[in-house]
């Protein structure tokens, strides 16, 4: 446990796709190995109205990487005069991680958001869930169900496989991801002490704080 820098601070992060919505949730513990320092650490960052990035790994690297991401996004919006789409943002994250591959940031991000596509029949724009994750050198994975990361990823995968089902609406998605997060982090001594869930829909982002075991 002490030899793996990715486990030094501990974390639980999970994202799920629903029907025209997506959710991402994390614990709030800030730990130094098995010592809990704070219980209100922010591990997810809203980058636009359509997507959120969550990061696990070394806390100092996640905060540094978030600041560099904000700079890249501000430069893009200044030059393009529009917000960066979520798929473009995902590729930017991959590129930023890969360019530091010989001295990497110790972070593993998950991006959850909505892509806007034209419906073939009506021609109206519809929201499509988007989930992507990377390792610390930027190798991406794109998936349409769920992604887990952090020291709790094994536990989260187990409960997500049992509870996830496709096509959930926003209320069902909130209930399932909340139960998965709480059940997973209760089985990991390096994560927990509360949780935060973000539900992203076409109407905006809804944030809910969860009460969890604090022992």
N, C-alpha and C. Protein backbone atom coordinates (compact mmCIF):
# COMPACT_ATOMS: atom_id res chain seq x y z
N UNK A 1 0.82 -1.20 0.00
CA UNK A 1 0.00 0.00 0.00
C UNK A 1 0.86 1.26 0.00
N UNK A 2 1.92 1.24 0.82
CA UNK A 2 2.74 2.44 0.92
C UNK A 2 3.64 2.66 -0.27
N UNK A 3 3.86 1.60 -1.11
CA UNK A 3 4.79 1.72 -2.22
C UNK A 3 4.12 2.28 -3.48
N UNK A 4 2.81 2.34 -3.54
CA UNK A 4 2.09 2.78 -4.72
C UNK A 4 1.62 4.22 -4.53
N UNK A 5 2.22 5.14 -5.29
CA UNK A 5 1.88 6.56 -5.12
C UNK A 5 0.44 6.84 -5.51
N UNK A 6 -0.15 6.03 -6.38
CA UNK A 6 -1.54 6.24 -6.78
C UNK A 6 -2.51 5.93 -5.64
N UNK A 7 -2.06 5.19 -4.63
CA UNK A 7 -2.91 4.85 -3.49
C UNK A 7 -2.62 5.70 -2.27
N UNK A 8 -1.71 6.66 -2.39
CA UNK A 8 -1.24 7.40 -1.22
C UNK A 8 -2.36 8.19 -0.55
N UNK A 9 -3.21 8.86 -1.33
CA UNK A 9 -4.29 9.68 -0.77
C UNK A 9 -5.63 8.97 -0.71
N UNK A 10 -5.82 7.91 -1.48
CA UNK A 10 -7.08 7.18 -1.47
C UNK A 10 -8.20 7.93 -2.17
N UNK A 11 -9.07 7.21 -2.85
CA UNK A 11 -10.17 7.87 -3.56
C UNK A 11 -11.13 6.84 -4.13
N UNK A 12 -12.37 7.27 -4.33
CA UNK A 12 -13.40 6.46 -4.98
C UNK A 12 -14.08 7.35 -6.02
N UNK A 13 -14.13 6.91 -7.27
CA UNK A 13 -14.71 7.69 -8.35
C UNK A 13 -15.45 6.76 -9.30
N UNK A 14 -16.70 7.13 -9.62
CA UNK A 14 -17.50 6.30 -10.53
C UNK A 14 -18.36 7.22 -11.39
N UNK A 15 -18.53 6.84 -12.66
CA UNK A 15 -19.40 7.57 -13.58
C UNK A 15 -20.30 6.57 -14.29
N UNK A 16 -21.54 6.99 -14.58
CA UNK A 16 -22.52 6.11 -15.22
C UNK A 16 -23.31 6.88 -16.26
N UNK A 17 -23.71 6.16 -17.31
CA UNK A 17 -24.54 6.74 -18.36
C UNK A 17 -25.98 6.29 -18.19
N UNK A 18 -26.91 7.20 -18.44
CA UNK A 18 -28.34 6.89 -18.43
C UNK A 18 -28.97 7.26 -19.76
N UNK A 19 -30.27 7.44 -19.75
CA UNK A 19 -30.99 7.84 -20.95
C UNK A 19 -30.99 9.36 -21.05
N UNK A 20 -30.21 9.89 -21.98
CA UNK A 20 -30.05 11.34 -22.17
C UNK A 20 -29.54 12.04 -20.91
N UNK A 21 -28.81 11.30 -20.09
CA UNK A 21 -28.22 11.89 -18.88
C UNK A 21 -27.00 11.08 -18.49
N UNK A 22 -26.19 11.66 -17.63
CA UNK A 22 -24.98 10.99 -17.16
C UNK A 22 -24.71 11.46 -15.73
N UNK A 23 -24.06 10.62 -14.95
CA UNK A 23 -23.78 10.95 -13.55
C UNK A 23 -22.34 10.61 -13.23
N UNK A 24 -21.76 11.37 -12.29
CA UNK A 24 -20.41 11.10 -11.79
C UNK A 24 -20.41 11.38 -10.30
N UNK A 25 -19.72 10.53 -9.55
CA UNK A 25 -19.76 10.62 -8.10
C UNK A 25 -18.39 10.28 -7.53
N UNK A 26 -18.06 10.89 -6.39
CA UNK A 26 -16.80 10.60 -5.70
C UNK A 26 -16.99 10.70 -4.20
N UNK A 27 -16.04 10.15 -3.47
CA UNK A 27 -16.00 10.34 -2.03
C UNK A 27 -15.38 11.70 -1.74
N UNK A 28 -15.31 12.06 -0.45
CA UNK A 28 -14.80 13.38 -0.07
C UNK A 28 -13.61 13.29 0.89
N UNK A 29 -13.06 12.12 1.07
CA UNK A 29 -11.98 11.95 2.03
C UNK A 29 -10.65 12.45 1.47
N UNK A 30 -9.90 13.19 2.29
CA UNK A 30 -8.51 13.53 2.00
C UNK A 30 -7.65 12.80 3.01
N UNK A 31 -6.98 11.79 2.55
CA UNK A 31 -6.18 10.98 3.46
C UNK A 31 -4.72 10.95 3.07
N UNK A 32 -3.89 10.67 4.07
CA UNK A 32 -2.47 10.37 3.85
C UNK A 32 -2.28 8.95 4.31
N UNK A 33 -2.30 8.03 3.36
CA UNK A 33 -2.39 6.60 3.61
C UNK A 33 -3.60 6.33 4.49
N UNK A 34 -3.43 5.80 5.69
CA UNK A 34 -4.59 5.43 6.50
C UNK A 34 -5.00 6.52 7.48
N UNK A 35 -4.36 7.67 7.40
CA UNK A 35 -4.73 8.80 8.27
C UNK A 35 -5.64 9.75 7.52
N UNK A 36 -6.80 10.08 8.09
CA UNK A 36 -7.73 11.01 7.48
C UNK A 36 -7.40 12.43 7.92
N UNK A 37 -7.14 13.31 6.94
CA UNK A 37 -6.77 14.69 7.21
C UNK A 37 -7.98 15.62 7.12
N UNK A 38 -8.84 15.42 6.11
CA UNK A 38 -10.03 16.25 5.93
C UNK A 38 -11.12 15.41 5.30
N UNK A 39 -12.34 15.92 5.38
CA UNK A 39 -13.49 15.16 4.85
C UNK A 39 -14.30 15.97 3.85
N UNK A 40 -13.70 16.98 3.26
CA UNK A 40 -14.42 17.82 2.31
C UNK A 40 -13.60 18.10 1.05
N UNK A 41 -12.80 17.13 0.64
CA UNK A 41 -11.93 17.34 -0.52
C UNK A 41 -12.72 17.26 -1.82
N UNK A 42 -12.47 18.21 -2.71
CA UNK A 42 -13.13 18.25 -4.01
C UNK A 42 -12.30 17.44 -5.00
N UNK A 43 -12.92 16.42 -5.58
CA UNK A 43 -12.23 15.54 -6.54
C UNK A 43 -12.84 15.60 -7.93
N UNK A 44 -13.92 16.37 -8.09
CA UNK A 44 -14.57 16.53 -9.39
C UNK A 44 -14.68 18.02 -9.71
N UNK A 45 -14.50 18.36 -10.98
CA UNK A 45 -14.45 19.76 -11.39
C UNK A 45 -15.35 19.98 -12.60
N UNK A 46 -16.25 20.94 -12.47
CA UNK A 46 -17.15 21.27 -13.57
C UNK A 46 -16.40 22.14 -14.57
N UNK A 47 -16.20 21.62 -15.77
CA UNK A 47 -15.44 22.34 -16.78
C UNK A 47 -16.34 23.11 -17.74
N UNK A 48 -17.61 22.72 -17.87
CA UNK A 48 -18.59 23.45 -18.67
C UNK A 48 -19.97 23.02 -18.20
N UNK A 49 -21.01 23.56 -18.82
CA UNK A 49 -22.37 23.16 -18.46
C UNK A 49 -22.69 21.73 -18.88
N UNK A 50 -21.84 21.15 -19.75
CA UNK A 50 -22.14 19.84 -20.33
C UNK A 50 -21.25 18.72 -19.82
N UNK A 51 -20.18 19.00 -19.10
CA UNK A 51 -19.31 17.90 -18.66
C UNK A 51 -18.51 18.27 -17.42
N UNK A 52 -18.13 17.21 -16.72
CA UNK A 52 -17.38 17.29 -15.47
C UNK A 52 -16.24 16.29 -15.55
N UNK A 53 -15.09 16.67 -15.00
CA UNK A 53 -13.96 15.75 -14.91
C UNK A 53 -13.72 15.41 -13.44
N UNK A 54 -13.57 14.13 -13.17
CA UNK A 54 -13.17 13.67 -11.85
C UNK A 54 -11.78 13.07 -11.94
N UNK A 55 -10.97 13.26 -10.90
CA UNK A 55 -9.60 12.77 -10.94
C UNK A 55 -9.24 12.05 -9.65
N UNK A 56 -8.61 10.89 -9.80
CA UNK A 56 -8.07 10.16 -8.67
C UNK A 56 -6.56 10.14 -8.78
N UNK A 57 -5.91 9.76 -7.69
CA UNK A 57 -4.45 9.73 -7.69
C UNK A 57 -3.87 10.63 -6.62
N UNK A 58 -2.72 11.21 -6.91
CA UNK A 58 -2.04 12.09 -5.96
C UNK A 58 -2.72 13.45 -5.95
N UNK A 59 -3.16 13.91 -4.79
CA UNK A 59 -3.97 15.13 -4.70
C UNK A 59 -3.25 16.34 -5.26
N UNK A 60 -1.96 16.50 -4.96
CA UNK A 60 -1.23 17.67 -5.47
C UNK A 60 -1.18 17.68 -6.99
N UNK A 61 -1.06 16.50 -7.61
CA UNK A 61 -1.04 16.43 -9.07
C UNK A 61 -2.43 16.70 -9.65
N UNK A 62 -3.49 16.23 -9.00
CA UNK A 62 -4.83 16.50 -9.52
C UNK A 62 -5.14 17.99 -9.51
N UNK A 63 -4.72 18.69 -8.47
CA UNK A 63 -4.98 20.13 -8.40
C UNK A 63 -4.15 20.90 -9.42
N UNK A 64 -2.89 20.50 -9.59
CA UNK A 64 -2.05 21.13 -10.61
C UNK A 64 -2.61 20.88 -12.01
N UNK A 65 -3.00 19.65 -12.27
CA UNK A 65 -3.51 19.29 -13.60
C UNK A 65 -4.81 20.04 -13.89
N UNK A 66 -5.65 20.21 -12.88
CA UNK A 66 -6.90 20.96 -13.07
C UNK A 66 -6.62 22.41 -13.45
N UNK A 67 -5.64 23.02 -12.82
CA UNK A 67 -5.29 24.41 -13.15
C UNK A 67 -4.79 24.52 -14.58
N UNK A 68 -3.98 23.56 -15.02
CA UNK A 68 -3.49 23.58 -16.40
C UNK A 68 -4.61 23.34 -17.40
N UNK A 69 -5.58 22.49 -17.03
CA UNK A 69 -6.74 22.27 -17.89
C UNK A 69 -7.57 23.53 -18.06
N UNK A 70 -7.78 24.26 -16.98
CA UNK A 70 -8.54 25.50 -17.06
C UNK A 70 -7.84 26.50 -17.97
N UNK A 71 -6.52 26.56 -17.91
CA UNK A 71 -5.78 27.47 -18.81
C UNK A 71 -5.99 27.07 -20.26
N UNK A 72 -5.89 25.76 -20.57
CA UNK A 72 -6.10 25.30 -21.95
C UNK A 72 -7.52 25.63 -22.43
N UNK A 73 -8.49 25.45 -21.56
CA UNK A 73 -9.88 25.73 -21.95
C UNK A 73 -10.10 27.21 -22.19
N UNK A 74 -9.52 28.05 -21.34
CA UNK A 74 -9.65 29.50 -21.54
C UNK A 74 -9.00 29.94 -22.85
N UNK A 75 -7.87 29.36 -23.19
CA UNK A 75 -7.21 29.68 -24.46
C UNK A 75 -8.07 29.24 -25.63
N UNK A 76 -8.67 28.05 -25.53
CA UNK A 76 -9.53 27.55 -26.60
C UNK A 76 -10.74 28.46 -26.80
N UNK A 77 -11.40 28.85 -25.70
CA UNK A 77 -12.58 29.70 -25.80
C UNK A 77 -12.23 31.08 -26.33
N UNK A 78 -11.05 31.58 -26.00
CA UNK A 78 -10.63 32.87 -26.53
C UNK A 78 -10.39 32.82 -28.03
N UNK A 79 -9.76 31.73 -28.49
CA UNK A 79 -9.42 31.61 -29.91
C UNK A 79 -10.63 31.18 -30.76
N UNK A 80 -11.45 30.29 -30.24
CA UNK A 80 -12.55 29.73 -31.02
C UNK A 80 -13.88 30.45 -30.79
N UNK A 81 -13.95 31.22 -29.72
CA UNK A 81 -15.17 31.96 -29.37
C UNK A 81 -16.36 31.01 -29.15
N UNK A 82 -16.08 29.87 -28.54
CA UNK A 82 -17.12 28.90 -28.19
C UNK A 82 -16.55 27.96 -27.14
N UNK A 83 -17.46 27.23 -26.47
CA UNK A 83 -17.02 26.26 -25.47
C UNK A 83 -16.46 25.01 -26.14
N UNK A 84 -15.51 24.40 -25.47
CA UNK A 84 -14.90 23.18 -25.98
C UNK A 84 -15.88 22.01 -25.84
N UNK A 85 -16.18 21.29 -26.93
CA UNK A 85 -17.05 20.11 -26.82
C UNK A 85 -16.40 19.03 -25.97
N UNK A 86 -17.21 18.16 -25.41
CA UNK A 86 -16.70 17.18 -24.45
C UNK A 86 -15.73 16.20 -25.10
N UNK A 87 -15.96 15.80 -26.35
CA UNK A 87 -15.04 14.86 -26.99
C UNK A 87 -13.69 15.53 -27.27
N UNK A 88 -13.72 16.78 -27.66
CA UNK A 88 -12.47 17.53 -27.85
C UNK A 88 -11.74 17.65 -26.52
N UNK A 89 -12.49 17.97 -25.46
CA UNK A 89 -11.89 18.08 -24.13
C UNK A 89 -11.22 16.77 -23.72
N UNK A 90 -11.87 15.65 -24.01
CA UNK A 90 -11.30 14.35 -23.67
C UNK A 90 -9.97 14.13 -24.39
N UNK A 91 -9.88 14.51 -25.66
CA UNK A 91 -8.63 14.36 -26.40
C UNK A 91 -7.55 15.31 -25.88
N UNK A 92 -7.95 16.49 -25.44
CA UNK A 92 -6.99 17.44 -24.86
C UNK A 92 -6.38 16.86 -23.58
N UNK A 93 -7.22 16.24 -22.75
CA UNK A 93 -6.73 15.62 -21.52
C UNK A 93 -5.74 14.51 -21.85
N UNK A 94 -6.07 13.66 -22.84
CA UNK A 94 -5.17 12.59 -23.26
C UNK A 94 -3.83 13.16 -23.72
N UNK A 95 -3.88 14.22 -24.52
CA UNK A 95 -2.65 14.81 -25.06
C UNK A 95 -1.79 15.41 -23.95
N UNK A 96 -2.43 16.07 -22.98
CA UNK A 96 -1.67 16.68 -21.88
C UNK A 96 -1.01 15.62 -21.01
N UNK A 97 -1.68 14.50 -20.80
CA UNK A 97 -1.08 13.42 -20.02
C UNK A 97 0.06 12.76 -20.80
N UNK A 98 -0.15 12.54 -22.09
CA UNK A 98 0.86 11.83 -22.88
C UNK A 98 2.13 12.65 -23.06
N UNK A 99 2.00 13.96 -23.16
CA UNK A 99 3.20 14.78 -23.36
C UNK A 99 4.10 14.78 -22.12
N UNK A 100 3.57 14.36 -20.96
CA UNK A 100 4.37 14.25 -19.75
C UNK A 100 4.64 12.78 -19.39
N UNK A 101 4.64 11.89 -20.39
CA UNK A 101 4.68 10.46 -20.11
C UNK A 101 5.99 10.02 -19.46
N UNK A 102 7.09 10.75 -19.64
CA UNK A 102 8.36 10.35 -19.03
C UNK A 102 8.50 10.85 -17.59
N UNK A 103 7.64 11.76 -17.21
CA UNK A 103 7.54 12.22 -15.82
C UNK A 103 6.10 12.54 -15.55
N UNK A 104 5.24 11.52 -15.45
CA UNK A 104 3.80 11.72 -15.56
C UNK A 104 3.17 12.39 -14.34
N UNK A 105 2.00 13.02 -14.61
CA UNK A 105 1.12 13.38 -13.50
C UNK A 105 0.52 12.08 -12.96
N UNK A 106 0.50 11.96 -11.64
CA UNK A 106 -0.07 10.75 -11.04
C UNK A 106 -1.58 10.94 -10.86
N UNK A 107 -2.28 10.99 -11.97
CA UNK A 107 -3.73 11.18 -11.97
C UNK A 107 -4.36 10.20 -12.97
N UNK A 108 -5.56 9.75 -12.64
CA UNK A 108 -6.36 8.95 -13.55
C UNK A 108 -7.73 9.60 -13.66
N UNK A 109 -7.99 10.34 -14.75
CA UNK A 109 -9.24 11.08 -14.88
C UNK A 109 -10.38 10.23 -15.45
N UNK A 110 -11.59 10.63 -15.09
CA UNK A 110 -12.82 10.17 -15.74
C UNK A 110 -13.61 11.40 -16.15
N UNK A 111 -14.05 11.42 -17.41
CA UNK A 111 -14.83 12.55 -17.93
C UNK A 111 -16.25 12.06 -18.20
N UNK A 112 -17.22 12.78 -17.65
CA UNK A 112 -18.63 12.45 -17.85
C UNK A 112 -19.34 13.68 -18.37
N UNK A 113 -20.09 13.53 -19.45
CA UNK A 113 -20.78 14.68 -20.02
C UNK A 113 -21.79 14.28 -21.07
N UNK A 114 -22.25 15.29 -21.78
CA UNK A 114 -23.25 15.09 -22.83
C UNK A 114 -22.71 15.61 -24.16
N UNK A 115 -22.90 14.81 -25.19
CA UNK A 115 -22.64 15.23 -26.56
C UNK A 115 -23.96 15.60 -27.21
N UNK A 116 -23.92 16.63 -28.04
CA UNK A 116 -25.14 17.05 -28.72
C UNK A 116 -25.08 16.62 -30.17
N UNK A 117 -26.06 15.81 -30.57
CA UNK A 117 -26.13 15.30 -31.93
C UNK A 117 -27.49 15.60 -32.53
N UNK A 118 -27.52 15.74 -33.85
CA UNK A 118 -28.79 15.99 -34.54
C UNK A 118 -29.55 14.69 -34.72
N UNK A 119 -30.83 14.73 -34.37
CA UNK A 119 -31.69 13.57 -34.58
C UNK A 119 -31.96 13.41 -36.07
N UNK A 120 -31.86 12.16 -36.55
CA UNK A 120 -32.00 11.92 -37.98
C UNK A 120 -33.38 12.23 -38.53
N UNK A 121 -34.41 12.10 -37.72
CA UNK A 121 -35.78 12.31 -38.20
C UNK A 121 -36.24 13.76 -38.01
N UNK A 122 -36.10 14.26 -36.80
CA UNK A 122 -36.62 15.61 -36.51
C UNK A 122 -35.62 16.71 -36.81
N UNK A 123 -34.33 16.38 -36.81
CA UNK A 123 -33.31 17.39 -37.03
C UNK A 123 -32.97 18.19 -35.78
N UNK A 124 -33.64 17.89 -34.67
CA UNK A 124 -33.35 18.59 -33.43
C UNK A 124 -32.12 18.00 -32.74
N UNK A 125 -31.45 18.83 -31.94
CA UNK A 125 -30.28 18.35 -31.20
C UNK A 125 -30.74 17.55 -29.98
N UNK A 126 -30.13 16.39 -29.80
CA UNK A 126 -30.44 15.54 -28.65
C UNK A 126 -29.15 15.28 -27.88
N UNK A 127 -29.30 15.09 -26.56
CA UNK A 127 -28.15 14.86 -25.69
C UNK A 127 -27.83 13.37 -25.64
N UNK A 128 -26.57 13.04 -25.89
CA UNK A 128 -26.11 11.66 -25.85
C UNK A 128 -25.04 11.54 -24.76
N UNK A 129 -25.14 10.55 -23.87
CA UNK A 129 -24.13 10.41 -22.81
C UNK A 129 -22.73 10.15 -23.37
N UNK A 130 -21.74 10.70 -22.68
CA UNK A 130 -20.34 10.51 -23.08
C UNK A 130 -19.54 10.18 -21.83
N UNK A 131 -18.82 9.06 -21.86
CA UNK A 131 -17.94 8.67 -20.76
C UNK A 131 -16.58 8.30 -21.32
N UNK A 132 -15.53 8.82 -20.72
CA UNK A 132 -14.18 8.41 -21.10
C UNK A 132 -13.29 8.42 -19.87
N UNK A 133 -12.28 7.57 -19.91
CA UNK A 133 -11.31 7.51 -18.83
C UNK A 133 -9.92 7.33 -19.40
N UNK A 134 -8.90 7.66 -18.61
CA UNK A 134 -7.52 7.54 -19.06
C UNK A 134 -6.66 6.99 -17.92
N UNK A 135 -5.53 6.38 -18.30
CA UNK A 135 -4.53 6.08 -17.29
C UNK A 135 -3.58 7.28 -17.18
N UNK A 136 -2.52 7.15 -16.40
CA UNK A 136 -1.71 8.32 -16.11
C UNK A 136 -0.83 8.77 -17.28
N UNK A 137 -0.74 7.99 -18.37
CA UNK A 137 -0.04 8.49 -19.55
C UNK A 137 -1.00 8.75 -20.71
N UNK A 138 -2.28 8.81 -20.44
CA UNK A 138 -3.24 9.29 -21.42
C UNK A 138 -3.84 8.26 -22.35
N UNK A 139 -3.69 6.97 -22.07
CA UNK A 139 -4.34 5.95 -22.91
C UNK A 139 -5.83 5.96 -22.62
N UNK A 140 -6.67 6.26 -23.63
CA UNK A 140 -8.10 6.47 -23.35
C UNK A 140 -8.94 5.21 -23.48
N UNK A 141 -10.09 5.23 -22.81
CA UNK A 141 -11.13 4.23 -23.02
C UNK A 141 -12.46 4.97 -23.09
N UNK A 142 -13.28 4.59 -24.07
CA UNK A 142 -14.61 5.18 -24.24
C UNK A 142 -15.64 4.06 -24.03
N UNK A 143 -16.66 4.35 -23.25
CA UNK A 143 -17.61 3.31 -22.88
C UNK A 143 -18.99 3.92 -22.72
N UNK A 144 -20.02 3.11 -22.84
CA UNK A 144 -21.39 3.63 -22.78
C UNK A 144 -22.16 3.10 -21.57
N UNK A 145 -21.46 2.55 -20.57
CA UNK A 145 -22.14 2.03 -19.38
C UNK A 145 -21.61 2.71 -18.12
N UNK A 146 -20.47 2.28 -17.60
CA UNK A 146 -19.93 2.91 -16.39
C UNK A 146 -18.41 2.78 -16.37
N UNK A 147 -17.77 3.67 -15.60
CA UNK A 147 -16.33 3.66 -15.40
C UNK A 147 -16.04 3.86 -13.92
N UNK A 148 -15.00 3.21 -13.43
CA UNK A 148 -14.60 3.35 -12.03
C UNK A 148 -13.10 3.62 -11.96
N UNK A 149 -12.69 4.36 -10.93
CA UNK A 149 -11.28 4.66 -10.75
C UNK A 149 -11.00 4.88 -9.27
N UNK A 150 -9.71 4.88 -8.93
CA UNK A 150 -9.30 5.12 -7.55
C UNK A 150 -8.96 3.84 -6.83
N UNK A 151 -8.65 3.97 -5.56
CA UNK A 151 -8.31 2.79 -4.77
C UNK A 151 -9.52 1.88 -4.57
N UNK A 152 -10.72 2.41 -4.78
CA UNK A 152 -11.95 1.64 -4.60
C UNK A 152 -12.44 1.05 -5.91
N UNK A 153 -11.66 1.09 -6.98
CA UNK A 153 -12.17 0.71 -8.30
C UNK A 153 -12.61 -0.76 -8.35
N UNK A 154 -11.90 -1.66 -7.68
CA UNK A 154 -12.30 -3.07 -7.70
C UNK A 154 -13.66 -3.26 -7.03
N UNK A 155 -13.84 -2.63 -5.86
CA UNK A 155 -15.11 -2.76 -5.16
C UNK A 155 -16.25 -2.12 -5.95
N UNK A 156 -15.98 -0.96 -6.56
CA UNK A 156 -16.99 -0.26 -7.34
C UNK A 156 -17.39 -1.08 -8.57
N UNK A 157 -16.43 -1.72 -9.22
CA UNK A 157 -16.77 -2.53 -10.39
C UNK A 157 -17.75 -3.65 -10.01
N UNK A 158 -17.52 -4.26 -8.87
CA UNK A 158 -18.41 -5.34 -8.45
C UNK A 158 -19.84 -4.88 -8.26
N UNK A 159 -20.04 -3.80 -7.50
CA UNK A 159 -21.41 -3.36 -7.24
C UNK A 159 -22.04 -2.73 -8.48
N UNK A 160 -21.24 -2.07 -9.32
CA UNK A 160 -21.79 -1.48 -10.54
C UNK A 160 -22.27 -2.56 -11.50
N UNK A 161 -21.52 -3.65 -11.63
CA UNK A 161 -21.95 -4.73 -12.51
C UNK A 161 -23.25 -5.35 -12.02
N UNK A 162 -23.45 -5.35 -10.70
CA UNK A 162 -24.67 -5.93 -10.15
C UNK A 162 -25.88 -5.00 -10.28
N UNK A 163 -25.65 -3.68 -10.18
CA UNK A 163 -26.77 -2.74 -10.07
C UNK A 163 -27.04 -1.94 -11.35
N UNK A 164 -26.04 -1.80 -12.21
CA UNK A 164 -26.24 -0.97 -13.41
C UNK A 164 -27.19 -1.64 -14.39
N UNK A 165 -28.02 -0.83 -15.03
CA UNK A 165 -28.84 -1.29 -16.15
C UNK A 165 -28.96 -0.15 -17.15
N UNK A 166 -28.97 -0.44 -18.42
CA UNK A 166 -29.04 0.63 -19.43
C UNK A 166 -30.41 1.30 -19.47
N UNK A 167 -30.40 2.56 -19.94
CA UNK A 167 -31.65 3.26 -20.17
C UNK A 167 -32.29 3.86 -18.95
N UNK A 168 -31.56 4.06 -17.87
CA UNK A 168 -32.14 4.65 -16.67
C UNK A 168 -32.39 6.14 -16.85
N UNK A 169 -33.50 6.64 -16.28
CA UNK A 169 -33.72 8.08 -16.28
C UNK A 169 -32.90 8.72 -15.17
N UNK A 170 -32.97 10.05 -15.05
CA UNK A 170 -32.07 10.75 -14.13
C UNK A 170 -32.29 10.37 -12.68
N UNK A 171 -33.53 10.11 -12.29
CA UNK A 171 -33.81 9.74 -10.90
C UNK A 171 -33.30 8.33 -10.59
N UNK A 172 -33.53 7.40 -11.50
CA UNK A 172 -33.01 6.05 -11.32
C UNK A 172 -31.49 6.04 -11.31
N UNK A 173 -30.91 6.84 -12.21
CA UNK A 173 -29.45 6.91 -12.30
C UNK A 173 -28.85 7.44 -11.01
N UNK A 174 -29.48 8.48 -10.44
CA UNK A 174 -28.99 9.03 -9.18
C UNK A 174 -29.03 7.99 -8.07
N UNK A 175 -30.12 7.26 -7.99
CA UNK A 175 -30.25 6.25 -6.93
C UNK A 175 -29.21 5.15 -7.07
N UNK A 176 -29.01 4.67 -8.30
CA UNK A 176 -28.08 3.56 -8.52
C UNK A 176 -26.65 3.99 -8.27
N UNK A 177 -26.23 5.13 -8.81
CA UNK A 177 -24.83 5.53 -8.63
C UNK A 177 -24.54 5.87 -7.17
N UNK A 178 -25.53 6.42 -6.47
CA UNK A 178 -25.33 6.72 -5.05
C UNK A 178 -25.13 5.45 -4.24
N UNK A 179 -25.97 4.44 -4.48
CA UNK A 179 -25.85 3.19 -3.76
C UNK A 179 -24.54 2.47 -4.11
N UNK A 180 -24.12 2.56 -5.37
CA UNK A 180 -22.85 1.94 -5.77
C UNK A 180 -21.67 2.62 -5.07
N UNK A 181 -21.67 3.95 -5.04
CA UNK A 181 -20.58 4.67 -4.40
C UNK A 181 -20.51 4.34 -2.91
N UNK A 182 -21.63 4.37 -2.22
CA UNK A 182 -21.64 4.13 -0.78
C UNK A 182 -21.24 2.69 -0.46
N UNK A 183 -21.76 1.75 -1.25
CA UNK A 183 -21.41 0.34 -1.01
C UNK A 183 -19.94 0.07 -1.30
N UNK A 184 -19.41 0.69 -2.36
CA UNK A 184 -18.01 0.46 -2.71
C UNK A 184 -17.05 1.07 -1.70
N UNK A 185 -17.27 2.33 -1.32
CA UNK A 185 -16.33 2.99 -0.43
C UNK A 185 -16.38 2.45 0.99
N UNK A 186 -17.51 1.85 1.39
CA UNK A 186 -17.58 1.21 2.70
C UNK A 186 -16.65 0.01 2.80
N UNK A 187 -16.19 -0.51 1.67
CA UNK A 187 -15.31 -1.67 1.65
C UNK A 187 -13.87 -1.28 1.38
N UNK A 188 -13.54 0.01 1.47
CA UNK A 188 -12.18 0.49 1.22
C UNK A 188 -11.79 1.43 2.35
N UNK A 189 -10.73 1.10 3.07
CA UNK A 189 -10.33 1.92 4.21
C UNK A 189 -9.66 3.23 3.78
N UNK A 190 -9.37 3.39 2.48
CA UNK A 190 -8.71 4.60 2.01
C UNK A 190 -9.68 5.59 1.37
N UNK A 191 -10.97 5.30 1.42
CA UNK A 191 -11.96 6.20 0.82
C UNK A 191 -13.19 6.26 1.72
N UNK A 192 -14.03 7.27 1.46
CA UNK A 192 -15.28 7.38 2.19
C UNK A 192 -15.47 8.75 2.84
N UNK A 193 -16.07 8.74 4.02
CA UNK A 193 -16.34 9.94 4.81
C UNK A 193 -17.24 10.92 4.09
N UNK A 194 -18.12 10.44 3.25
CA UNK A 194 -19.06 11.30 2.54
C UNK A 194 -18.96 11.09 1.05
N UNK A 195 -19.90 11.66 0.33
CA UNK A 195 -19.89 11.52 -1.12
C UNK A 195 -20.60 12.68 -1.79
N UNK A 196 -20.28 12.91 -3.06
CA UNK A 196 -20.91 13.94 -3.87
C UNK A 196 -21.31 13.32 -5.20
N UNK A 197 -22.53 13.60 -5.65
CA UNK A 197 -23.03 13.08 -6.92
C UNK A 197 -23.44 14.26 -7.80
N UNK A 198 -23.00 14.26 -9.05
CA UNK A 198 -23.43 15.24 -10.05
C UNK A 198 -24.23 14.51 -11.12
N UNK A 199 -25.43 14.98 -11.39
CA UNK A 199 -26.27 14.45 -12.47
C UNK A 199 -26.32 15.51 -13.57
N UNK A 200 -25.87 15.15 -14.76
CA UNK A 200 -25.83 16.09 -15.89
C UNK A 200 -26.95 15.74 -16.86
N UNK A 201 -27.85 16.69 -17.09
CA UNK A 201 -28.93 16.53 -18.05
C UNK A 201 -28.93 17.72 -18.99
N UNK A 202 -29.84 17.71 -19.95
CA UNK A 202 -29.95 18.83 -20.89
C UNK A 202 -30.34 20.12 -20.17
N UNK A 203 -30.99 19.99 -19.01
CA UNK A 203 -31.41 21.17 -18.25
C UNK A 203 -30.29 21.76 -17.41
N UNK A 204 -29.23 21.00 -17.17
CA UNK A 204 -28.13 21.51 -16.36
C UNK A 204 -27.55 20.43 -15.46
N UNK A 205 -26.82 20.87 -14.44
CA UNK A 205 -26.14 19.97 -13.52
C UNK A 205 -26.81 20.04 -12.15
N UNK A 206 -27.18 18.90 -11.62
CA UNK A 206 -27.74 18.81 -10.27
C UNK A 206 -26.71 18.13 -9.38
N UNK A 207 -26.43 18.76 -8.22
CA UNK A 207 -25.42 18.24 -7.29
C UNK A 207 -26.09 17.86 -5.97
N UNK A 208 -25.75 16.68 -5.49
CA UNK A 208 -26.31 16.18 -4.23
C UNK A 208 -25.15 15.67 -3.37
N UNK A 209 -25.14 16.06 -2.11
CA UNK A 209 -24.15 15.55 -1.16
C UNK A 209 -24.75 14.36 -0.40
N UNK A 210 -23.94 13.32 -0.22
CA UNK A 210 -24.39 12.11 0.44
C UNK A 210 -23.78 11.98 1.83
N UNK A 211 -24.56 11.48 2.76
CA UNK A 211 -24.04 11.13 4.07
C UNK A 211 -23.51 9.71 4.02
N UNK A 212 -22.36 9.49 4.64
CA UNK A 212 -21.76 8.15 4.62
C UNK A 212 -21.22 7.81 6.00
N UNK A 213 -20.82 6.58 6.15
CA UNK A 213 -20.18 6.16 7.40
C UNK A 213 -18.90 6.96 7.63
N UNK A 214 -18.63 7.28 8.89
CA UNK A 214 -17.45 8.10 9.20
C UNK A 214 -16.55 7.38 10.23
N UNK A 215 -16.51 6.08 10.07
CA UNK A 215 -15.66 5.31 10.98
C UNK A 215 -14.55 4.60 10.19
